[in-house]
Amino acid sequence: MAEVQTLKKVVVGARNGKRCFAIFDELFRGTNIEDALAISRTTIVGLTDFPDSIFFISTHLHQLQQALVRTRIDACFIDCSLDKGTPVFTYKIRPGWSDLKLGQIIFEQEGLNMLLAVSK
């Protein structure tokens, strides 16, 4: 609820002619994936109506890539590579979307796949 109210404040300000700068980290992460995708699309595309404002939105929802293809939105990610299986962050922003599945890599490195495997 709080993030929706914060988003509303920003949108109302922008609609009233204010130049806004806002950063949203993982919008709608507290809801199910279908809700998160639907309202994230609406939010992201709707925010393009305010060209005098700047918005940063972090997301893990790669399904949003397709929704952003024909927009004026720049997608970026923080560069990371693997060095002998260890994530190495350059902290440089690169255009596009990262396909590196760090969560799965770390999960495996910590042995959770084996620990959570069902015995047969």
N, C-alpha and C. Protein backbone atom coordinates (compact mmCIF):
# COMPACT_ATOMS: atom_id res chain seq x y z
N MET A 1 0.82 -1.20 0.00
CA MET A 1 0.00 0.00 0.00
C MET A 1 0.87 1.27 0.00
N ALA A 2 1.94 1.24 0.80
CA ALA A 2 2.78 2.43 0.90
C ALA A 2 3.42 2.79 -0.44
N GLU A 3 3.89 1.77 -1.17
CA GLU A 3 4.54 2.09 -2.45
C GLU A 3 3.53 2.61 -3.47
N VAL A 4 2.31 2.13 -3.41
CA VAL A 4 1.26 2.63 -4.31
C VAL A 4 0.94 4.08 -3.98
N GLN A 5 0.88 4.40 -2.70
CA GLN A 5 0.62 5.79 -2.29
C GLN A 5 1.77 6.71 -2.68
N THR A 6 2.99 6.23 -2.55
CA THR A 6 4.15 7.02 -2.97
C THR A 6 4.13 7.25 -4.47
N LEU A 7 3.85 6.20 -5.23
CA LEU A 7 3.74 6.32 -6.68
C LEU A 7 2.66 7.33 -7.04
N LYS A 8 1.52 7.26 -6.36
CA LYS A 8 0.42 8.19 -6.63
C LYS A 8 0.85 9.63 -6.38
N LYS A 9 1.57 9.87 -5.29
CA LYS A 9 2.06 11.22 -4.99
C LYS A 9 2.93 11.76 -6.11
N VAL A 10 3.81 10.91 -6.61
CA VAL A 10 4.71 11.31 -7.69
C VAL A 10 3.92 11.61 -8.96
N VAL A 11 2.98 10.73 -9.31
CA VAL A 11 2.19 10.92 -10.53
C VAL A 11 1.32 12.17 -10.43
N VAL A 12 0.70 12.39 -9.29
CA VAL A 12 -0.13 13.60 -9.11
C VAL A 12 0.75 14.84 -9.24
N GLY A 13 1.92 14.81 -8.64
CA GLY A 13 2.83 15.95 -8.78
C GLY A 13 3.21 16.20 -10.22
N ALA A 14 3.54 15.15 -10.95
CA ALA A 14 3.90 15.29 -12.36
C ALA A 14 2.72 15.79 -13.18
N ARG A 15 1.53 15.27 -12.89
CA ARG A 15 0.33 15.73 -13.61
C ARG A 15 0.05 17.20 -13.36
N ASN A 16 0.46 17.70 -12.18
CA ASN A 16 0.27 19.11 -11.84
C ASN A 16 1.42 19.98 -12.32
N GLY A 17 2.26 19.44 -13.19
CA GLY A 17 3.31 20.23 -13.81
C GLY A 17 4.65 20.24 -13.09
N LYS A 18 4.78 19.50 -12.00
CA LYS A 18 6.06 19.45 -11.31
C LYS A 18 7.03 18.57 -12.09
N ARG A 19 8.30 18.97 -12.08
CA ARG A 19 9.34 18.10 -12.62
C ARG A 19 9.73 17.16 -11.49
N CYS A 20 9.58 15.89 -11.72
CA CYS A 20 9.81 14.90 -10.67
C CYS A 20 11.03 14.04 -10.96
N PHE A 21 11.67 13.64 -9.89
CA PHE A 21 12.75 12.67 -9.94
C PHE A 21 12.40 11.63 -8.88
N ALA A 22 12.26 10.37 -9.31
CA ALA A 22 11.88 9.33 -8.35
C ALA A 22 12.61 8.03 -8.69
N ILE A 23 12.96 7.32 -7.64
CA ILE A 23 13.58 6.01 -7.77
C ILE A 23 12.68 5.00 -7.08
N PHE A 24 12.31 3.96 -7.80
CA PHE A 24 11.46 2.90 -7.26
C PHE A 24 12.23 1.59 -7.33
N ASP A 25 12.36 0.93 -6.19
CA ASP A 25 13.10 -0.33 -6.13
C ASP A 25 12.12 -1.49 -6.06
N GLU A 26 12.11 -2.30 -7.12
CA GLU A 26 11.25 -3.49 -7.18
C GLU A 26 9.79 -3.17 -6.87
N LEU A 27 9.22 -2.29 -7.68
CA LEU A 27 7.81 -1.94 -7.52
C LEU A 27 6.93 -3.18 -7.48
N PHE A 28 5.96 -3.19 -6.64
CA PHE A 28 4.91 -4.22 -6.57
C PHE A 28 5.44 -5.62 -6.27
N ARG A 29 6.56 -5.69 -5.57
CA ARG A 29 7.14 -7.00 -5.23
C ARG A 29 6.30 -7.75 -4.21
N GLY A 30 5.40 -7.07 -3.53
CA GLY A 30 4.59 -7.71 -2.51
C GLY A 30 3.31 -8.33 -3.02
N THR A 31 3.16 -8.41 -4.33
CA THR A 31 1.93 -8.98 -4.89
C THR A 31 2.29 -10.14 -5.80
N ASN A 32 1.28 -10.83 -6.30
CA ASN A 32 1.54 -11.98 -7.16
C ASN A 32 2.11 -11.52 -8.51
N ILE A 33 2.72 -12.43 -9.22
CA ILE A 33 3.44 -12.09 -10.45
C ILE A 33 2.54 -11.48 -11.52
N GLU A 34 1.30 -11.97 -11.66
CA GLU A 34 0.41 -11.42 -12.69
C GLU A 34 0.06 -9.97 -12.37
N ASP A 35 -0.27 -9.69 -11.10
CA ASP A 35 -0.55 -8.31 -10.70
C ASP A 35 0.68 -7.44 -10.92
N ALA A 36 1.82 -7.92 -10.47
CA ALA A 36 3.06 -7.14 -10.58
C ALA A 36 3.36 -6.79 -12.03
N LEU A 37 3.23 -7.75 -12.93
CA LEU A 37 3.49 -7.49 -14.35
C LEU A 37 2.50 -6.49 -14.93
N ALA A 38 1.23 -6.70 -14.66
CA ALA A 38 0.20 -5.82 -15.23
C ALA A 38 0.35 -4.38 -14.75
N ILE A 39 0.48 -4.20 -13.45
CA ILE A 39 0.55 -2.83 -12.96
C ILE A 39 1.93 -2.20 -13.19
N SER A 40 2.96 -3.03 -13.31
CA SER A 40 4.28 -2.49 -13.66
C SER A 40 4.26 -1.96 -15.09
N ARG A 41 3.66 -2.72 -16.01
CA ARG A 41 3.54 -2.24 -17.41
C ARG A 41 2.80 -0.91 -17.45
N THR A 42 1.66 -0.85 -16.79
CA THR A 42 0.86 0.38 -16.77
C THR A 42 1.67 1.53 -16.20
N THR A 43 2.37 1.28 -15.12
CA THR A 43 3.17 2.32 -14.47
C THR A 43 4.29 2.80 -15.38
N ILE A 44 5.07 1.88 -15.89
CA ILE A 44 6.24 2.25 -16.68
C ILE A 44 5.84 3.00 -17.95
N VAL A 45 4.88 2.46 -18.66
CA VAL A 45 4.43 3.13 -19.89
C VAL A 45 3.76 4.46 -19.55
N GLY A 46 2.97 4.50 -18.49
CA GLY A 46 2.29 5.74 -18.09
C GLY A 46 3.25 6.85 -17.69
N LEU A 47 4.36 6.49 -17.07
CA LEU A 47 5.34 7.50 -16.66
C LEU A 47 6.01 8.19 -17.85
N THR A 48 5.92 7.59 -19.03
CA THR A 48 6.50 8.23 -20.22
C THR A 48 5.71 9.48 -20.62
N ASP A 49 4.54 9.68 -20.03
CA ASP A 49 3.75 10.88 -20.30
C ASP A 49 4.36 12.13 -19.67
N PHE A 50 5.42 11.96 -18.89
CA PHE A 50 6.03 13.08 -18.18
C PHE A 50 7.49 13.24 -18.60
N PRO A 51 7.72 13.77 -19.82
CA PRO A 51 9.08 13.84 -20.36
C PRO A 51 10.00 14.79 -19.59
N ASP A 52 9.45 15.68 -18.78
CA ASP A 52 10.29 16.59 -18.01
C ASP A 52 10.72 16.00 -16.67
N SER A 53 10.29 14.79 -16.40
CA SER A 53 10.64 14.11 -15.16
C SER A 53 11.55 12.92 -15.45
N ILE A 54 12.21 12.45 -14.40
CA ILE A 54 13.11 11.32 -14.54
C ILE A 54 12.72 10.27 -13.52
N PHE A 55 12.60 9.03 -13.99
CA PHE A 55 12.21 7.93 -13.12
C PHE A 55 13.17 6.76 -13.32
N PHE A 56 13.60 6.18 -12.22
CA PHE A 56 14.39 4.96 -12.23
C PHE A 56 13.57 3.88 -11.55
N ILE A 57 13.46 2.74 -12.20
CA ILE A 57 12.70 1.62 -11.62
C ILE A 57 13.55 0.37 -11.75
N SER A 58 13.85 -0.25 -10.62
CA SER A 58 14.58 -1.52 -10.68
C SER A 58 13.55 -2.65 -10.71
N THR A 59 13.90 -3.72 -11.42
CA THR A 59 12.98 -4.85 -11.50
C THR A 59 13.74 -6.13 -11.84
N HIS A 60 13.18 -7.23 -11.40
CA HIS A 60 13.67 -8.54 -11.82
C HIS A 60 12.67 -9.17 -12.81
N LEU A 61 11.67 -8.44 -13.18
CA LEU A 61 10.61 -8.96 -14.04
C LEU A 61 11.03 -8.85 -15.51
N HIS A 62 11.78 -9.85 -15.98
CA HIS A 62 12.25 -9.83 -17.37
C HIS A 62 11.11 -9.86 -18.37
N GLN A 63 9.94 -10.27 -17.94
CA GLN A 63 8.79 -10.29 -18.84
C GLN A 63 8.42 -8.88 -19.29
N LEU A 64 8.91 -7.86 -18.60
CA LEU A 64 8.61 -6.48 -18.98
C LEU A 64 9.39 -6.05 -20.22
N GLN A 65 10.42 -6.79 -20.59
CA GLN A 65 11.20 -6.44 -21.77
C GLN A 65 10.31 -6.20 -22.99
N GLN A 66 9.40 -7.12 -23.24
CA GLN A 66 8.54 -7.02 -24.41
C GLN A 66 7.64 -5.79 -24.35
N ALA A 67 7.21 -5.41 -23.17
CA ALA A 67 6.33 -4.25 -23.03
C ALA A 67 7.06 -2.95 -23.31
N LEU A 68 8.38 -2.96 -23.23
CA LEU A 68 9.15 -1.73 -23.36
C LEU A 68 9.77 -1.54 -24.73
N VAL A 69 9.56 -2.48 -25.63
CA VAL A 69 10.22 -2.45 -26.93
C VAL A 69 9.93 -1.17 -27.70
N ARG A 70 8.70 -0.75 -27.76
CA ARG A 70 8.34 0.42 -28.58
C ARG A 70 8.09 1.66 -27.73
N THR A 71 8.92 1.86 -26.73
CA THR A 71 8.77 3.03 -25.87
C THR A 71 10.06 3.84 -25.88
N ARG A 72 9.99 4.98 -25.22
CA ARG A 72 11.18 5.83 -25.09
C ARG A 72 11.93 5.50 -23.80
N ILE A 73 11.81 4.29 -23.34
CA ILE A 73 12.40 3.88 -22.08
C ILE A 73 13.73 3.20 -22.33
N ASP A 74 14.73 3.59 -21.55
CA ASP A 74 16.04 2.95 -21.63
C ASP A 74 16.14 1.91 -20.54
N ALA A 75 16.42 0.69 -20.93
CA ALA A 75 16.65 -0.38 -19.96
C ALA A 75 18.15 -0.52 -19.77
N CYS A 76 18.57 -0.63 -18.52
CA CYS A 76 19.99 -0.77 -18.19
C CYS A 76 20.16 -1.78 -17.07
N PHE A 77 21.37 -2.28 -16.93
CA PHE A 77 21.68 -3.18 -15.84
C PHE A 77 23.09 -2.88 -15.33
N ILE A 78 23.37 -3.34 -14.12
CA ILE A 78 24.70 -3.18 -13.55
C ILE A 78 25.53 -4.38 -13.99
N ASP A 79 26.62 -4.08 -14.65
CA ASP A 79 27.47 -5.11 -15.24
C ASP A 79 28.04 -6.05 -14.18
N CYS A 80 28.04 -7.32 -14.51
CA CYS A 80 28.57 -8.35 -13.63
C CYS A 80 29.08 -9.50 -14.50
N SER A 81 30.16 -10.11 -14.06
CA SER A 81 30.66 -11.30 -14.73
C SER A 81 30.99 -12.34 -13.66
N LEU A 82 31.33 -13.52 -14.12
CA LEU A 82 31.70 -14.58 -13.19
C LEU A 82 33.20 -14.85 -13.32
N ASP A 83 33.89 -14.88 -12.21
CA ASP A 83 35.30 -15.24 -12.17
C ASP A 83 35.42 -16.50 -11.33
N LYS A 84 35.62 -17.65 -12.00
CA LYS A 84 35.67 -18.95 -11.32
C LYS A 84 34.42 -19.18 -10.48
N GLY A 85 33.26 -18.78 -11.04
CA GLY A 85 31.99 -19.00 -10.37
C GLY A 85 31.60 -17.93 -9.37
N THR A 86 32.47 -16.95 -9.14
CA THR A 86 32.19 -15.88 -8.19
C THR A 86 31.75 -14.63 -8.94
N PRO A 87 30.60 -14.05 -8.55
CA PRO A 87 30.16 -12.81 -9.20
C PRO A 87 31.14 -11.66 -8.95
N VAL A 88 31.47 -10.95 -10.02
CA VAL A 88 32.34 -9.78 -9.94
C VAL A 88 31.58 -8.61 -10.56
N PHE A 89 31.27 -7.63 -9.73
CA PHE A 89 30.52 -6.46 -10.19
C PHE A 89 31.48 -5.34 -10.57
N THR A 90 31.25 -4.75 -11.75
CA THR A 90 32.05 -3.60 -12.17
C THR A 90 31.39 -2.29 -11.71
N TYR A 91 30.12 -2.37 -11.34
CA TYR A 91 29.32 -1.21 -10.94
C TYR A 91 29.18 -0.21 -12.09
N LYS A 92 29.34 -0.70 -13.32
CA LYS A 92 29.11 0.11 -14.50
C LYS A 92 27.72 -0.20 -15.05
N ILE A 93 27.05 0.82 -15.48
CA ILE A 93 25.71 0.64 -16.05
C ILE A 93 25.86 0.36 -17.53
N ARG A 94 25.21 -0.71 -17.96
CA ARG A 94 25.24 -1.13 -19.36
C ARG A 94 23.82 -1.08 -19.93
N PRO A 95 23.68 -0.81 -21.21
CA PRO A 95 22.34 -0.82 -21.82
C PRO A 95 21.82 -2.24 -21.96
N GLY A 96 20.51 -2.39 -21.83
CA GLY A 96 19.88 -3.69 -22.04
C GLY A 96 19.49 -4.37 -20.75
N TRP A 97 19.36 -5.69 -20.84
CA TRP A 97 18.93 -6.52 -19.72
C TRP A 97 20.00 -7.57 -19.46
N SER A 98 20.28 -7.87 -18.22
CA SER A 98 21.23 -8.91 -17.89
C SER A 98 20.55 -10.27 -17.96
N ASP A 99 21.24 -11.23 -18.55
CA ASP A 99 20.72 -12.59 -18.59
C ASP A 99 21.42 -13.49 -17.58
N LEU A 100 22.33 -12.93 -16.80
CA LEU A 100 23.05 -13.69 -15.79
C LEU A 100 22.11 -14.05 -14.66
N LYS A 101 22.04 -15.30 -14.34
CA LYS A 101 21.12 -15.78 -13.30
C LYS A 101 21.88 -15.98 -12.00
N LEU A 102 22.22 -14.86 -11.38
CA LEU A 102 23.04 -14.90 -10.16
C LEU A 102 22.37 -15.64 -9.02
N GLY A 103 21.08 -15.48 -8.88
CA GLY A 103 20.36 -16.17 -7.81
C GLY A 103 20.55 -17.67 -7.90
N GLN A 104 20.39 -18.22 -9.10
CA GLN A 104 20.56 -19.66 -9.29
C GLN A 104 22.01 -20.09 -9.07
N ILE A 105 22.94 -19.26 -9.51
CA ILE A 105 24.36 -19.59 -9.35
C ILE A 105 24.72 -19.64 -7.86
N ILE A 106 24.33 -18.64 -7.11
CA ILE A 106 24.63 -18.59 -5.68
C ILE A 106 23.90 -19.70 -4.94
N PHE A 107 22.65 -19.95 -5.31
CA PHE A 107 21.86 -21.03 -4.72
C PHE A 107 22.60 -22.36 -4.86
N GLU A 108 23.11 -22.63 -6.06
CA GLU A 108 23.84 -23.86 -6.33
C GLU A 108 25.16 -23.89 -5.55
N GLN A 109 25.90 -22.76 -5.57
CA GLN A 109 27.17 -22.71 -4.86
C GLN A 109 27.02 -22.99 -3.37
N GLU A 110 25.93 -22.57 -2.81
CA GLU A 110 25.69 -22.79 -1.38
C GLU A 110 25.15 -24.19 -1.09
N GLY A 111 25.01 -25.00 -2.15
CA GLY A 111 24.60 -26.39 -1.97
C GLY A 111 23.12 -26.59 -1.73
N LEU A 112 22.32 -25.57 -1.98
CA LEU A 112 20.90 -25.68 -1.69
C LEU A 112 20.17 -26.63 -2.63
N ASN A 113 20.63 -26.75 -3.88
CA ASN A 113 19.99 -27.73 -4.77
C ASN A 113 20.11 -29.13 -4.17
N MET A 114 21.29 -29.46 -3.66
CA MET A 114 21.49 -30.77 -3.07
C MET A 114 20.74 -30.91 -1.74
N LEU A 115 20.79 -29.87 -0.91
CA LEU A 115 20.14 -29.94 0.39
C LEU A 115 18.62 -30.04 0.28
N LEU A 116 18.07 -29.49 -0.78
CA LEU A 116 16.62 -29.47 -0.93
C LEU A 116 16.11 -30.56 -1.87
N ALA A 117 17.02 -31.37 -2.41
CA ALA A 117 16.61 -32.44 -3.32
C ALA A 117 15.76 -33.46 -2.56
N VAL A 118 14.74 -33.91 -3.22
CA VAL A 118 13.86 -34.92 -2.64
C VAL A 118 14.53 -36.28 -2.74
N SER A 119 14.62 -37.00 -1.63
CA SER A 119 15.19 -38.36 -1.67
C SER A 119 14.25 -39.30 -2.39
N LYS A 120 14.84 -40.18 -3.12
CA LYS A 120 14.01 -41.12 -3.88
C LYS A 120 14.18 -42.50 -3.32
